[in-house]
Each structure stands twice: as C-alpha cells, then as structure tokens.
Protein backbone atom coordinates (compact mmCIF):
# COMPACT_ATOMS: atom_id res chain seq x y z
CA UNK A 1 -11.91 -31.55 -9.11
CA UNK A 2 -9.45 -28.44 -10.64
CA UNK A 3 -7.61 -27.09 -8.35
CA UNK A 4 -4.76 -25.39 -10.59
CA UNK A 5 -4.62 -21.91 -9.54
CA UNK A 6 -6.55 -18.87 -12.22
CA UNK A 7 -5.79 -15.77 -12.90
CA UNK A 8 -7.77 -13.78 -9.64
CA UNK A 9 -6.21 -16.65 -7.00
CA UNK A 10 -2.94 -15.90 -7.96
CA UNK A 11 -3.00 -11.81 -7.93
CA UNK A 12 -4.88 -11.96 -4.20
CA UNK A 13 -2.83 -14.59 -3.86
CA UNK A 14 0.45 -13.69 -3.77
CA UNK A 15 -0.74 -10.19 -2.58
CA UNK A 16 -1.05 -12.50 0.56
CA UNK A 17 1.81 -14.39 0.46
CA UNK A 18 4.62 -10.84 -0.07
CA UNK A 19 2.70 -9.54 2.20
CA UNK A 20 2.76 -11.23 5.30
CA UNK A 21 6.66 -10.89 6.31
CA UNK A 22 6.35 -6.73 4.11
CA UNK A 23 7.29 -4.59 6.41
CA UNK A 24 4.30 -1.99 6.94
CA UNK A 25 5.65 1.20 4.83
CA UNK A 26 5.74 -1.06 1.81
CA UNK A 27 2.40 -2.64 1.49
CA UNK A 28 0.84 0.79 -0.36
CA UNK A 29 2.99 -0.14 -3.11
CA UNK A 30 2.80 -3.55 -2.80
CA UNK A 31 -0.41 -2.98 -3.88
CA UNK A 32 0.31 -0.06 -6.82
CA UNK A 33 2.45 -3.27 -8.45
CA UNK A 34 -0.53 -6.39 -7.71
CA UNK A 35 -2.88 -3.16 -9.85
CA UNK A 36 -0.15 -3.50 -12.69
CA UNK A 37 -1.10 -6.44 -13.18
CA UNK A 38 -3.93 -6.71 -14.06
CA UNK A 39 -3.50 -3.04 -16.43
CA UNK A 40 -4.42 -0.35 -13.54
CA UNK A 41 -2.44 2.58 -12.78
CA UNK A 42 -2.15 5.87 -10.74
CA UNK A 43 -3.17 3.97 -7.78
CA UNK A 44 -4.01 5.31 -4.44
CA UNK A 45 -5.17 4.33 -0.77
CA UNK A 46 -6.52 7.01 0.96
CA UNK A 47 -7.20 6.24 5.15
CA UNK A 48 -9.82 8.40 7.05
CA UNK A 49 -8.69 10.57 9.11
CA UNK A 50 -9.44 11.09 12.71
CA UNK A 51 -12.01 13.89 12.83
CA UNK A 52 -13.86 11.77 9.70
CA UNK A 53 -13.34 14.88 8.08
CA UNK A 54 -10.88 14.44 5.07
CA UNK A 55 -9.49 10.91 2.94
CA UNK A 56 -5.93 11.48 3.04
CA UNK A 57 -3.42 9.24 0.23
CA UNK A 58 -1.34 6.69 2.30
CA UNK A 59 2.49 7.40 0.57
CA UNK A 60 5.14 5.80 -0.64
CA UNK A 61 6.61 4.56 -4.29
CA UNK A 62 4.64 3.67 -7.07
CA UNK A 63 0.89 5.31 -5.09
CA UNK A 64 -0.60 8.47 -6.86
CA UNK A 65 -0.30 10.98 -3.77
CA UNK A 66 -1.84 14.39 -3.71
CA UNK A 67 -3.72 16.65 -1.50
CA UNK A 68 -6.21 15.04 1.52
CA UNK A 69 -9.87 14.93 -0.67
CA UNK A 70 -12.73 16.37 1.28
CA UNK A 71 -14.97 14.08 2.57
CA UNK A 72 -17.88 15.64 2.15
CA UNK A 73 -18.28 16.39 -1.50
CA UNK A 74 -16.20 14.06 -3.25
CA UNK A 75 -16.77 11.23 -5.32
CA UNK A 76 -13.86 9.14 -2.84
CA UNK A 77 -16.19 10.68 -0.41
CA UNK A 78 -19.60 9.01 -1.25
CA UNK A 79 -17.77 5.95 -2.31
CA UNK A 80 -16.38 5.81 1.65
CA UNK A 81 -19.68 7.36 3.60
CA UNK A 82 -21.93 4.05 0.89
CA UNK A 83 -19.30 1.53 1.41
CA UNK A 84 -20.42 0.73 -2.80
CA UNK A 85 -17.79 1.53 -5.03
CA UNK A 86 -18.49 3.41 -7.72
CA UNK A 87 -16.84 3.92 -11.83
CA UNK A 88 -17.07 7.16 -13.49
CA UNK A 89 -15.61 7.37 -17.00
CA UNK A 90 -12.35 9.85 -17.78
CA UNK A 91 -10.19 10.93 -21.03
CA UNK A 92 -7.98 7.66 -20.59
CA UNK A 93 -10.37 5.07 -19.36
CA UNK A 94 -12.33 4.46 -16.09
CA UNK A 95 -10.97 5.62 -12.80
CA UNK A 96 -12.59 3.18 -10.19
CA UNK A 97 -13.33 3.97 -6.71
CA UNK A 98 -13.30 0.97 -4.02
CA UNK A 99 -14.33 0.97 0.05
CA UNK A 100 -11.49 -0.96 2.53
CA UNK A 101 -13.88 -2.48 4.46
CA UNK A 102 -12.91 -4.64 7.13
CA UNK A 103 -15.80 -6.85 9.42
CA UNK A 104 -17.69 -3.55 8.08
CA UNK A 105 -15.79 -0.91 9.53
CA UNK A 106 -14.58 1.43 6.80
CA UNK A 107 -11.01 1.71 6.78
CA UNK A 108 -11.17 4.10 3.72
CA UNK A 109 -10.70 4.15 0.11
CA UNK A 110 -8.39 2.40 -3.03
CA UNK A 111 -8.97 3.96 -6.69
CA UNK A 112 -7.23 3.16 -9.54
CA UNK A 113 -7.37 3.83 -13.51
CA UNK A 114 -8.21 0.79 -15.90
CA UNK A 115 -8.41 1.47 -19.58
CA UNK A 116 -11.60 -0.29 -19.44
CA UNK A 117 -14.00 -2.18 -16.89
CA UNK A 118 -15.99 -6.21 -17.36
CA UNK A 119 -17.42 -7.34 -14.65
CA UNK A 120 -14.33 -9.70 -13.83
CA UNK A 121 -12.26 -6.73 -13.32
CA UNK A 122 -15.00 -5.71 -10.87
CA UNK A 123 -15.13 -8.99 -8.54
CA UNK A 124 -11.53 -8.95 -8.60
CA UNK A 125 -10.60 -4.82 -7.43
CA UNK A 126 -13.15 -6.17 -4.78
CA UNK A 127 -11.83 -9.01 -3.42
CA UNK A 128 -8.82 -7.29 -3.94
CA UNK A 129 -9.36 -3.72 -1.70
CA UNK A 130 -11.38 -6.17 1.15
CA UNK A 131 -8.06 -8.17 1.49
CA UNK A 132 -5.98 -4.38 1.47
CA UNK A 133 -8.26 -3.81 3.54
CA UNK A 134 -7.45 -6.29 5.95
CA UNK A 135 -4.34 -6.03 5.97
CA UNK A 136 -3.97 -2.73 6.10
CA UNK A 137 -5.60 -3.32 9.40
CA UNK A 138 -3.66 -5.66 10.81
CA UNK A 139 -0.80 -3.61 10.15
CA UNK A 140 -1.88 -1.04 11.89
CA UNK A 141 -1.43 -3.08 14.71
CA UNK A 142 2.46 -2.60 14.92
CA UNK A 143 3.32 0.30 13.19
CA UNK A 144 2.90 3.94 14.22
CA UNK A 145 3.02 4.63 10.07
CA UNK A 146 -0.37 4.42 8.91
CA UNK A 147 -1.43 6.51 12.51
CA UNK A 148 0.83 9.34 11.21
CA UNK A 149 -0.35 8.98 8.07
CA UNK A 150 -4.61 9.76 9.96
CA UNK A 151 -3.42 12.55 12.32
CA UNK A 152 -4.01 14.96 10.99
CA UNK A 153 -3.30 17.78 13.88
CA UNK A 154 -1.64 17.60 16.94
CA UNK A 155 -2.54 15.41 19.32
CA UNK A 156 -3.26 15.71 23.09
CA UNK A 157 -1.38 12.70 25.13
CA UNK A 158 -4.73 12.54 26.49
CA UNK A 159 -6.84 11.96 22.89
CA UNK A 160 -3.93 9.81 22.35
CA UNK A 161 -4.32 7.20 25.26
CA UNK A 162 -8.34 7.20 24.61
CA UNK A 163 -8.08 6.12 20.73
CA UNK A 164 -5.43 3.64 21.81
CA UNK A 165 -8.67 2.48 23.60
CA UNK A 166 -11.48 3.13 21.12
CA UNK A 167 -12.86 -0.47 19.15
CA UNK A 168 -13.18 0.32 16.01
CA UNK A 169 -15.63 2.78 15.50
CA UNK A 170 -18.48 0.93 12.85
CA UNK A 171 -19.37 -2.57 12.70
CA UNK A 172 -21.76 -4.21 10.62
CA UNK A 173 -23.34 -7.88 10.00
CA UNK A 174 -26.74 -8.18 9.44
CA UNK A 175 -28.43 -8.19 12.41
CA UNK A 176 -26.41 -5.29 13.78
CA UNK A 177 -24.98 -2.26 12.62
CA UNK A 178 -22.62 0.73 14.95
CA UNK A 179 -21.13 3.51 14.07
CA UNK A 180 -19.65 6.42 16.54
CA UNK A 181 -17.77 9.71 16.34
CA UNK A 182 -15.45 11.01 19.46
CA UNK A 183 -15.07 15.11 19.79
CA UNK A 184 -12.77 17.43 19.74
CA UNK A 185 -11.26 14.46 18.31
CA UNK A 186 -7.91 15.33 18.90
CA UNK A 187 -8.27 16.52 22.13
CA UNK A 188 -10.27 13.96 23.50
CA UNK A 189 -10.21 13.28 27.21
CA UNK A 190 -12.82 11.78 29.50
CA UNK A 191 -15.27 10.17 26.98
CA UNK A 192 -14.76 6.89 26.35
CA UNK A 193 -16.69 3.85 24.40
CA UNK A 194 -16.76 0.24 24.49
CA UNK A 195 -18.58 -3.02 22.71
CA UNK A 196 -17.73 -6.71 21.96
CA UNK A 197 -20.46 -8.87 19.76
CA UNK A 198 -20.21 -12.42 21.83
CA UNK A 199 -22.68 -14.92 19.71
CA UNK A 200 -25.89 -12.94 19.10
CA UNK A 201 -25.27 -10.74 22.37
CA UNK A 202 -24.27 -7.13 21.76
CA UNK A 203 -22.74 -5.70 24.52
CA UNK A 204 -21.79 -1.61 24.69
CA UNK A 205 -20.55 0.81 27.75
CA UNK A 206 -20.64 4.33 26.75
CA UNK A 207 -18.45 6.34 29.77
CA UNK A 208 -17.91 10.00 30.25
CA UNK A 209 -15.43 10.61 33.35
CA UNK A 210 -15.27 13.27 35.23
CA UNK A 211 -12.30 16.58 35.00
CA UNK A 212 -10.57 17.27 31.76
CA UNK A 213 -7.49 16.48 30.32
CA UNK A 214 -5.41 13.52 30.98
CA UNK A 215 -6.73 12.30 34.77
CA UNK A 216 -10.04 12.36 32.93
CA UNK A 217 -7.94 9.27 30.48
CA UNK A 218 -6.65 7.68 32.74
CA UNK A 219 -9.95 7.21 35.38
CA UNK A 220 -11.63 6.81 31.02
CA UNK A 221 -8.70 4.25 31.03
CA UNK A 222 -9.79 2.66 34.63
CA UNK A 223 -13.03 2.61 33.72
CA UNK A 224 -13.08 0.40 30.50
CA UNK A 225 -10.49 -1.53 31.87
CA UNK A 226 -12.77 -2.99 34.30
CA UNK A 227 -15.90 -3.07 32.18
CA UNK A 228 -13.82 -4.95 29.21
CA UNK A 229 -12.63 -7.82 32.81
CA UNK A 230 -16.20 -7.87 33.72
CA UNK A 231 -17.63 -8.63 30.36
CA UNK A 232 -15.37 -11.46 29.98
CA UNK A 233 -16.21 -12.63 33.10
CA UNK A 234 -19.79 -13.19 31.89
CA UNK A 235 -21.02 -11.13 34.65
CA UNK A 236 -25.25 -9.82 35.35
CA UNK A 237 -25.44 -6.10 34.31
CA UNK A 238 -25.68 -4.78 37.40
CA UNK A 239 -22.61 -7.04 38.72
CA UNK A 240 -21.48 -5.28 35.84
CA UNK A 241 -21.89 -2.12 37.41
CA UNK A 242 -20.35 -3.25 41.10
CA UNK A 243 -17.34 -4.09 39.58
CA UNK A 244 -16.53 -1.43 37.77
CA UNK A 245 -17.65 0.81 40.66
CA UNK A 246 -15.06 -0.98 42.98
CA UNK A 247 -12.16 -0.23 41.15
CA UNK A 248 -12.41 3.82 41.08
CA UNK A 249 -13.22 3.14 44.47
CA UNK A 250 -10.27 1.35 44.87
CA UNK A 251 -8.02 2.79 42.16
CA UNK A 252 -8.54 6.94 42.90
CA UNK A 253 -11.02 7.40 46.12
CA UNK A 254 -14.59 8.72 46.39
CA UNK A 255 -14.04 11.91 45.30
CA UNK A 256 -13.35 10.67 40.57
CA UNK A 257 -16.49 9.19 39.68
CA UNK A 258 -17.66 8.02 36.29
CA UNK A 259 -20.72 8.24 33.96
CA UNK A 260 -21.92 5.35 32.37
CA UNK A 261 -24.58 3.52 30.31
CA UNK A 262 -24.33 -0.26 29.76
CA UNK A 263 -26.57 -2.60 27.24
CA UNK A 264 -26.90 -5.57 25.78
CA UNK A 265 -29.27 -6.05 23.21
CA UNK A 266 -29.89 -9.50 21.74
CA UNK A 267 -29.72 -9.06 17.74
CA UNK A 268 -31.78 -11.96 17.05
CA UNK A 269 -34.23 -11.05 19.27
CA UNK A 270 -33.99 -7.36 19.77
CA UNK A 271 -34.64 -7.84 23.63
CA UNK A 272 -32.42 -4.40 24.56
CA UNK A 273 -30.96 -4.00 28.51
CA UNK A 274 -28.98 -1.86 29.72
CA UNK A 275 -28.79 0.38 32.90
CA UNK A 276 -27.91 4.32 33.59
CA UNK A 277 -25.39 5.17 36.25
CA UNK A 278 -25.99 8.91 35.77
CA UNK A 279 -25.81 9.38 31.94
CA UNK A 280 -27.84 11.03 30.05
CA UNK A 281 -30.81 8.79 28.42
CA UNK A 282 -30.56 7.30 24.75
CA UNK A 283 -32.80 8.25 22.33
CA UNK A 284 -34.95 5.22 20.61
CA UNK A 285 -35.06 6.04 16.91
CA UNK A 286 -37.75 4.48 14.86
CA UNK A 287 -37.93 5.85 10.93
CA UNK A 288 -35.34 8.99 11.08
CA UNK A 289 -37.88 10.24 14.03
CA UNK A 290 -37.38 10.42 17.95
CA UNK A 291 -39.80 8.36 19.62
CA UNK A 292 -38.59 8.86 23.16
CA UNK A 293 -36.08 8.86 25.15
CA UNK A 294 -35.15 5.85 27.41
CA UNK A 295 -35.43 7.30 30.35
CA UNK A 296 -35.07 4.27 33.78
CA UNK A 297 -34.35 4.40 36.68
CA UNK A 298 -31.21 5.10 37.47
CA UNK A 299 -28.08 4.82 40.06
CA UNK A 300 -25.56 6.43 41.36
CA UNK A 301 -22.09 7.77 38.68
CA UNK A 302 -19.63 4.19 38.72
CA UNK A 303 -17.33 5.16 41.88
CA UNK A 304 -19.90 7.21 44.79
CA UNK A 305 -20.95 2.91 45.82
CA UNK A 306 -24.41 3.37 44.59
CA UNK A 307 -27.52 0.94 45.30
CA UNK A 308 -28.12 -1.55 42.29
CA UNK A 309 -28.56 -0.46 39.40
CA UNK A 310 -32.33 -1.87 38.24
CA UNK A 311 -32.39 -3.29 34.72
CA UNK A 312 -34.39 -1.39 32.61
CA UNK A 313 -35.45 -3.84 29.19
CA UNK A 314 -37.41 -2.94 25.56
CA UNK A 315 -38.47 -4.67 22.45
CA UNK A 316 -36.88 -3.27 19.90
CA UNK A 317 -38.65 -3.61 15.53
CA UNK A 318 -36.69 -4.20 12.78
CA UNK A 319 -34.74 -1.08 11.51
CA UNK A 320 -35.06 0.83 14.91
CA UNK A 321 -31.72 2.61 16.49
CA UNK A 322 -30.66 3.93 19.54
CA UNK A 323 -28.21 7.03 20.00
CA UNK A 324 -26.17 6.75 23.41
CA UNK A 325 -24.22 10.17 24.10
CA UNK A 326 -22.51 11.93 26.46
CA UNK A 327 -23.39 15.59 27.99
CA UNK A 328 -21.01 17.36 26.17
CA UNK A 329 -23.10 17.51 23.41
CA UNK A 330 -25.98 19.41 25.55
CA UNK A 331 -24.85 21.07 27.61
CA UNK A 332 -22.19 22.72 25.27
CA UNK A 333 -23.19 27.01 25.61
CA UNK A 334 -23.59 28.68 21.81
CA UNK A 335 -22.37 31.94 20.80
CA UNK A 336 -24.47 34.48 23.33
CA UNK A 337 -24.29 31.78 26.35
CA UNK A 338 -26.93 30.11 25.80
CA UNK A 339 -27.18 26.46 26.70
CA UNK A 340 -27.08 23.85 23.09
CA UNK A 341 -29.81 22.44 24.47
CA UNK A 342 -31.44 18.95 24.18
CA UNK A 343 -33.97 20.25 22.58
CA UNK A 344 -32.09 20.95 19.24
CA UNK A 345 -30.65 18.31 19.67
CA UNK A 346 -33.46 15.96 19.10
CA UNK A 347 -34.60 18.46 15.87
CA UNK A 348 -31.21 17.71 14.70
CA UNK A 349 -31.93 14.25 14.15
CA UNK A 350 -34.50 14.16 13.01
CA UNK A 351 -33.28 16.89 9.86
CA UNK A 352 -29.87 15.02 9.26
CA UNK A 353 -31.39 11.56 9.38
CA UNK A 354 -33.94 11.72 6.00
CA UNK A 355 -30.45 12.80 4.23
CA UNK A 356 -28.14 10.40 6.02
CA UNK A 357 -27.89 6.41 5.33
CA UNK A 358 -26.10 3.59 6.70
CA UNK A 359 -25.60 4.15 10.99
CA UNK A 360 -21.69 5.18 10.23
CA UNK A 361 -23.16 8.17 7.86
CA UNK A 362 -25.32 9.04 10.16
CA UNK A 363 -23.64 9.20 13.12
CA UNK A 364 -20.74 11.54 11.38
CA UNK A 365 -23.64 13.63 9.67
CA UNK A 366 -24.78 14.43 13.30
CA UNK A 367 -21.91 15.38 15.08
CA UNK A 368 -20.69 17.68 12.27
CA UNK A 369 -23.89 19.14 11.81
CA UNK A 370 -24.19 19.54 16.15
CA UNK A 371 -20.73 20.99 16.04
CA UNK A 372 -21.45 23.92 12.78
CA UNK A 373 -25.12 24.14 15.19
CA UNK A 374 -22.74 24.89 18.24
CA UNK A 375 -20.60 27.32 16.51
CA UNK A 376 -17.43 24.66 16.26
CA UNK A 377 -17.58 25.00 20.23
CA UNK A 378 -15.81 22.04 21.73
CA UNK A 379 -15.58 23.03 25.20
CA UNK A 380 -16.38 19.36 26.82
CA UNK A 381 -16.27 16.44 25.24
CA UNK A 382 -19.11 15.61 23.20
CA UNK A 383 -19.71 11.71 21.28
CA UNK A 384 -22.30 9.70 19.92
CA UNK A 385 -22.42 6.04 19.28
CA UNK A 386 -25.65 5.08 17.34
CA UNK A 387 -26.77 0.92 17.23
CA UNK A 388 -29.45 0.29 14.43
CA UNK A 389 -30.78 -3.58 15.02
CA UNK A 390 -31.80 -5.72 12.14
CA UNK A 391 -32.83 -8.27 12.77
CA UNK A 392 -32.48 -12.37 11.49
CA UNK A 393 -30.19 -15.34 13.08
CA UNK A 394 -26.87 -14.88 13.99
CA UNK A 395 -25.62 -18.37 11.80
CA UNK A 396 -27.26 -15.78 8.43
CA UNK A 397 -24.76 -16.17 5.67
CA UNK A 398 -26.02 -12.85 4.26
CA UNK A 399 -24.27 -9.75 4.34
CA UNK A 400 -26.96 -6.87 4.31
CA UNK A 401 -27.58 -4.16 1.77
CA UNK A 402 -24.28 -1.68 1.78
C-alpha cells in the first residue's frame, strides 16, 4: 500500500497542522494562504449573524472583505440555505461558494475564485470547507473574535447568557434533523432550549422562564442546568420534571416558575414521548400540513410542585416534523391590538412550508415570516424548534441529501 502523501492530503494536513496552535484571528489568513496553493484567490469566509439575516465577512489579511451579505436573495445565501456548493462563471474565472458545515450545523459560507474548476477541485474544496468549519467551531470555544464578527447589534446581558447556554441551533444526521431560532436574537431573556443525541435517542427540552430581562435569564440558566444534570443521570421523563421542579423551587422559592416541554425521540423507530409542564402543545406537521396539535395531559409549570406528569406517546411517520414553540409567538399583539393567535400561526406554517427545504431553512423562513406578520413587533421572547424524523439505523454511515 502506497502511504505517501498526495497533494490533497498534503494541503488539508498542512492546514490542520498549522491551525493546531494558531491564534483564532489568524485562521482566516491561514485559510486564504492554503487556498492560494491551488490557484484560488479572492477568498471570503462569511459567518451567519445571530439574527439569521446576514452573512458577515470575517476580516483578516489575505481575505476579501466587504459589506455583510443578505442571506435572502444572494448567491452566498442560497448556498447557505441549501447547504449545497454552487459555481458562478465570471469574466476572470469561476466563483465557487461552499457551505461551512460542522456536524450538520451551518457556520457560514466560504467563497473562492479559480481560473477553472474540475472535479478534483470540487472534491478538494468541499473537504477543505468542512475542515475550515471544524476549525472555526473549535477555535470559537476560547475566543470572542468570531462572536464579535457575528454580532451586528448591541446585545443585552440576558441575551449573552442565553446564547452561551445554547447548543448548536441546527444538527443533521441520516436519522434526524433539528433547527431552532430565538427572537429577539439580541435581547432574548427567558426562552431557551437544549438537546442531545445519545445513541438512538434524541433528548429535547424547550423552556420559557417567567419574567423578562436578567432575572428571566438567570431562571432559565438554572432550569437548563437542572435539565442537563438529570438527563445525563439517565432518569425518565417524569423524574426529570421532578428534578427540575425541585431545583427551581429550592433556588427561587414558590413565586418563580418555568413552563417547559421535555421530549425523547427514538431516531431509529420514530417513537416519540413527551411531557408538558404548562407549555403550548407542539404541532405535528406532515407534507407541509399541520396534522394536529400534540395535546397531552399536562402538569404545573416547573417550580410549582405539580403532580407527576403523564408521559404522552406518538408514533411518527418518516418525514414527519414536530414544531415546538413558546407562547410569545402567538400571544403577541399585532398593530391595532389584536392577538396574533394560533390560527394565524397554522396558516403561516402551511404557506411557508412548501417553499422551504431543509429544516434549518424552514424554521428560519417561518420565524421571519411570523415576524413580518406581527408587524415586526416582539415584546416577548418568541422561539421555534423544529424536529424532522427521517428514520433508519443509527449505525448508517450514509449522509442524507441536503
């Protein structure tokens, strides 16, 4: 077996070796330098902003930096939303746009111009973009550099706390895909969510802490921390509620609470279980139509010492989607004082769905459409989280089409 290093392996290996101890702010220039080795130029690394509206260029020597690009209506935005590379002929060559994907979570887009493009270029650049995404995510764990690039407006302290709590807002595997969005992105306080894919079980919690501002963010922090602690201890859904309830009560007393929905989905079989603690019922969506609200016997919000919750179950079909949301979405009042309401939510879901693609695109389009429907008003947190069950064995190594 020939184990000598080929050109592509050498390029990717050189980037990986040099990035290992490279300061975060020099990663972009390093990528531009490596791309030049294959004849690329005008390299741009575009990161998604926190409002999911813009792709913001990462600054650095050797990078092409301009104004932020709207995700809607731009070539880079189309690649970002579809997670599919695209090529656009230009007078001086071919401009390539490649999604920056890390475990299904989209970081942004990398753009580069070459004189011409063949299949070897496509394969190498696709792999390079994925390596760049991994490096950016790893480096972001110990720097403010990428956070500051992505932040396009002043952010409240409460929102800073909430964003630090969140897992990646999208994930995609052959069996399941998830995506979420929080509004207002730069001033969110009480809404939060958490999920984990452990073997063949997807765990999910969506919460809405009472109040606004910093107090709500602190309450949400304890709720999410208690949820993670109990989930990692391997307890059942009913015990998980009891643990969260005790944690909120002991820390804050009887006058504070959190509404919550906790779910477990077997990603091999599609068997869904959930408990409801004062939260709006999730919606089951099939073929872009809302089939029903997944109503269930609930218990009191977390912190009020409610009865042991009843665990509800549902067998999903392949392709089914379940939408979780917080009450700020439907309780907002539109211009003239009329409440937005669940009926308009359902109408918007069914109008937006057919024109959207993957879950990350659907949930983003839905959130922004709902914001427009409400006249741009968000006086309370309004969050969405969408889960799509695809099915299949969890040892499958085949990625779904994007």
